[in-house]
């Protein structure tokens, strides 16, 4: 509704501009800055996801440790697919990060599976 109490067409450009401006000023002040995307950050996020699934790290939403080994295996397998598909295209540091992550996660997975 407009100031006179009449219905306006929803989704109008003016409504969107006002909404976007209000949202951006509100959220920019409250949210931490997002780091620049990189291969190592992507791999680290998958490693964190696997650790959460294995119950090694608190779930950031529930603040509890829950174990879901099927989900952990899926994430580890996803990292292996990334390794296979990027073979020969990674910098030495990126390849070492991926190899180390896979080894560490697999060892933790085997231990949790016992």
C-alpha atoms as a PDB file:
ATOM      1  CA  UNK A   1       0.000   0.000   0.000  1.00  0.00           C
ATOM      2  CA  UNK A   2       1.093   3.534  -0.622  1.00  0.00           C
ATOM      3  CA  UNK A   3       0.893   6.442   1.834  1.00  0.00           C
ATOM      4  CA  UNK A   4      -2.784   7.021   0.923  1.00  0.00           C
ATOM      5  CA  UNK A   5      -3.737   3.429   1.782  1.00  0.00           C
ATOM      6  CA  UNK A   6      -4.216   2.415  -1.847  1.00  0.00           C
ATOM      7  CA  UNK A   7      -2.868  -0.860  -3.173  1.00  0.00           C
ATOM      8  CA  UNK A   8       0.242  -0.675  -5.301  1.00  0.00           C
ATOM      9  CA  UNK A   9       1.473  -3.239  -7.755  1.00  0.00           C
ATOM     10  CA  UNK A  10       3.867  -5.478  -5.876  1.00  0.00           C
ATOM     11  CA  UNK A  11       7.304  -5.921  -7.323  1.00  0.00           C
ATOM     12  CA  UNK A  12       7.464  -2.463  -8.834  1.00  0.00           C
ATOM     13  CA  UNK A  13      10.908  -1.063  -9.536  1.00  0.00           C
ATOM     14  CA  UNK A  14      10.550   1.599  -6.864  1.00  0.00           C
ATOM     15  CA  UNK A  15       9.617  -1.004  -4.248  1.00  0.00           C
ATOM     16  CA  UNK A  16      12.606  -3.136  -5.229  1.00  0.00           C
ATOM     17  CA  UNK A  17      15.004  -0.197  -5.120  1.00  0.00           C
ATOM     18  CA  UNK A  18      13.830   0.832  -1.659  1.00  0.00           C
ATOM     19  CA  UNK A  19      13.900  -2.755  -0.429  1.00  0.00           C
ATOM     20  CA  UNK A  20      17.373  -3.380  -1.880  1.00  0.00           C
ATOM     21  CA  UNK A  21      18.721  -0.173  -0.336  1.00  0.00           C
ATOM     22  CA  UNK A  22      17.235  -0.969   3.061  1.00  0.00           C
ATOM     23  CA  UNK A  23      18.515  -4.545   2.979  1.00  0.00           C
ATOM     24  CA  UNK A  24      22.033  -3.671   1.865  1.00  0.00           C
ATOM     25  CA  UNK A  25      22.546  -1.004   4.510  1.00  0.00           C
ATOM     26  CA  UNK A  26      21.130  -3.209   7.244  1.00  0.00           C
ATOM     27  CA  UNK A  27      22.982  -6.391   6.342  1.00  0.00           C
ATOM     28  CA  UNK A  28      26.318  -4.833   5.425  1.00  0.00           C
ATOM     29  CA  UNK A  29      26.700  -3.498   8.950  1.00  0.00           C
ATOM     30  CA  UNK A  30      25.846  -6.808  10.645  1.00  0.00           C
ATOM     31  CA  UNK A  31      27.594  -9.417   8.514  1.00  0.00           C
ATOM     32  CA  UNK A  32      31.297 -10.221   8.566  1.00  0.00           C
ATOM     33  CA  UNK A  33      33.171  -9.672   5.334  1.00  0.00           C
ATOM     34  CA  UNK A  34      33.208 -12.741   3.106  1.00  0.00           C
ATOM     35  CA  UNK A  35      36.717 -13.810   2.088  1.00  0.00           C
ATOM     36  CA  UNK A  36      37.669 -13.983  -1.560  1.00  0.00           C
ATOM     37  CA  UNK A  37      36.884 -17.337  -3.128  1.00  0.00           C
ATOM     38  CA  UNK A  38      39.870 -19.611  -3.676  1.00  0.00           C
ATOM     39  CA  UNK A  39      40.578 -23.274  -4.229  1.00  0.00           C
ATOM     40  CA  UNK A  40      42.092 -23.670  -0.770  1.00  0.00           C
ATOM     41  CA  UNK A  41      39.068 -22.029   0.886  1.00  0.00           C
ATOM     42  CA  UNK A  42      36.760 -24.338  -1.085  1.00  0.00           C
ATOM     43  CA  UNK A  43      38.711 -27.424   0.000  1.00  0.00           C
ATOM     44  CA  UNK A  44      38.809 -26.174   3.594  1.00  0.00           C
ATOM     45  CA  UNK A  45      35.029 -25.771   3.598  1.00  0.00           C
ATOM     46  CA  UNK A  46      34.576 -29.364   2.424  1.00  0.00           C
ATOM     47  CA  UNK A  47      37.042 -30.596   5.048  1.00  0.00           C
ATOM     48  CA  UNK A  48      35.078 -28.727   7.713  1.00  0.00           C
ATOM     49  CA  UNK A  49      31.859 -30.265   6.428  1.00  0.00           C
ATOM     50  CA  UNK A  50      33.399 -33.745   6.672  1.00  0.00           C
ATOM     51  CA  UNK A  51      34.653 -33.068  10.201  1.00  0.00           C
ATOM     52  CA  UNK A  52      31.185 -31.913  11.244  1.00  0.00           C
ATOM     53  CA  UNK A  53      29.696 -35.072   9.720  1.00  0.00           C
ATOM     54  CA  UNK A  54      32.147 -37.231  11.663  1.00  0.00           C
ATOM     55  CA  UNK A  55      31.245 -35.484  14.906  1.00  0.00           C
ATOM     56  CA  UNK A  56      34.726 -34.007  15.268  1.00  0.00           C
ATOM     57  CA  UNK A  57      33.494 -30.409  15.164  1.00  0.00           C
ATOM     58  CA  UNK A  58      30.303 -28.794  16.487  1.00  0.00           C
ATOM     59  CA  UNK A  59      27.608 -28.210  13.922  1.00  0.00           C
ATOM     60  CA  UNK A  60      27.468 -24.395  13.665  1.00  0.00           C
ATOM     61  CA  UNK A  61      23.658 -24.422  13.470  1.00  0.00           C
ATOM     62  CA  UNK A  62      22.774 -26.830  16.272  1.00  0.00           C
ATOM     63  CA  UNK A  63      25.925 -26.207  18.356  1.00  0.00           C
ATOM     64  CA  UNK A  64      26.134 -29.968  18.922  1.00  0.00           C
ATOM     65  CA  UNK A  65      28.315 -32.793  17.680  1.00  0.00           C
ATOM     66  CA  UNK A  66      26.406 -35.353  15.652  1.00  0.00           C
ATOM     67  CA  UNK A  67      27.871 -38.218  13.681  1.00  0.00           C
ATOM     68  CA  UNK A  68      26.704 -39.080  10.169  1.00  0.00           C
ATOM     69  CA  UNK A  69      29.344 -41.304   8.607  1.00  0.00           C
ATOM     70  CA  UNK A  70      27.425 -41.673   5.345  1.00  0.00           C
ATOM     71  CA  UNK A  71      27.561 -37.891   4.885  1.00  0.00           C
ATOM     72  CA  UNK A  72      31.248 -37.859   5.850  1.00  0.00           C
ATOM     73  CA  UNK A  73      32.003 -40.568   3.273  1.00  0.00           C
ATOM     74  CA  UNK A  74      30.116 -38.627   0.616  1.00  0.00           C
ATOM     75  CA  UNK A  75      32.181 -35.503   1.326  1.00  0.00           C
ATOM     76  CA  UNK A  76      35.446 -37.469   1.297  1.00  0.00           C
ATOM     77  CA  UNK A  77      34.435 -39.079  -2.003  1.00  0.00           C
ATOM     78  CA  UNK A  78      33.626 -35.609  -3.361  1.00  0.00           C
ATOM     79  CA  UNK A  79      37.134 -34.451  -2.449  1.00  0.00           C
ATOM     80  CA  UNK A  80      38.546 -37.477  -4.284  1.00  0.00           C
ATOM     81  CA  UNK A  81      36.524 -36.574  -7.377  1.00  0.00           C
ATOM     82  CA  UNK A  82      37.920 -33.051  -7.208  1.00  0.00           C
ATOM     83  CA  UNK A  83      41.447 -34.500  -6.934  1.00  0.00           C
ATOM     84  CA  UNK A  84      40.865 -36.786  -9.925  1.00  0.00           C
ATOM     85  CA  UNK A  85      39.305 -34.072 -12.089  1.00  0.00           C
ATOM     86  CA  UNK A  86      41.951 -31.453 -11.310  1.00  0.00           C
ATOM     87  CA  UNK A  87      44.952 -33.763 -11.758  1.00  0.00           C
ATOM     88  CA  UNK A  88      47.781 -31.829 -13.398  1.00  0.00           C
ATOM     89  CA  UNK A  89      46.002 -28.479 -13.035  1.00  0.00           C
ATOM     90  CA  UNK A  90      46.805 -27.587  -9.426  1.00  0.00           C
ATOM     91  CA  UNK A  91      49.642 -25.576  -7.959  1.00  0.00           C
ATOM     92  CA  UNK A  92      51.971 -27.605  -5.729  1.00  0.00           C
ATOM     93  CA  UNK A  93      50.485 -26.062  -2.560  1.00  0.00           C
ATOM     94  CA  UNK A  94      46.931 -26.833  -3.690  1.00  0.00           C
ATOM     95  CA  UNK A  95      47.806 -30.445  -4.509  1.00  0.00           C
ATOM     96  CA  UNK A  96      49.543 -30.881  -1.161  1.00  0.00           C
ATOM     97  CA  UNK A  97      46.528 -29.384   0.668  1.00  0.00           C
ATOM     98  CA  UNK A  98      44.150 -31.771  -1.091  1.00  0.00           C
ATOM     99  CA  UNK A  99      46.368 -34.829  -0.529  1.00  0.00           C
ATOM    100  CA  UNK A 100      46.853 -34.010   3.145  1.00  0.00           C
ATOM    101  CA  UNK A 101      43.147 -33.346   3.651  1.00  0.00           C
ATOM    102  CA  UNK A 102      42.151 -36.622   2.015  1.00  0.00           C
ATOM    103  CA  UNK A 103      44.677 -38.633   4.023  1.00  0.00           C
ATOM    104  CA  UNK A 104      43.671 -37.042   7.316  1.00  0.00           C
ATOM    105  CA  UNK A 105      39.948 -37.402   6.688  1.00  0.00           C
ATOM    106  CA  UNK A 106      40.283 -41.016   5.601  1.00  0.00           C
ATOM    107  CA  UNK A 107      42.257 -41.916   8.724  1.00  0.00           C
ATOM    108  CA  UNK A 108      39.648 -40.228  10.936  1.00  0.00           C
ATOM    109  CA  UNK A 109      36.840 -41.945   9.020  1.00  0.00           C
ATOM    110  CA  UNK A 110      38.432 -45.389   9.464  1.00  0.00           C
ATOM    111  CA  UNK A 111      38.856 -44.734  13.190  1.00  0.00           C
ATOM    112  CA  UNK A 112      35.228 -43.624  13.567  1.00  0.00           C
ATOM    113  CA  UNK A 113      33.987 -46.624  11.545  1.00  0.00           C
ATOM    114  CA  UNK A 114      35.432 -49.179  13.970  1.00  0.00           C
END
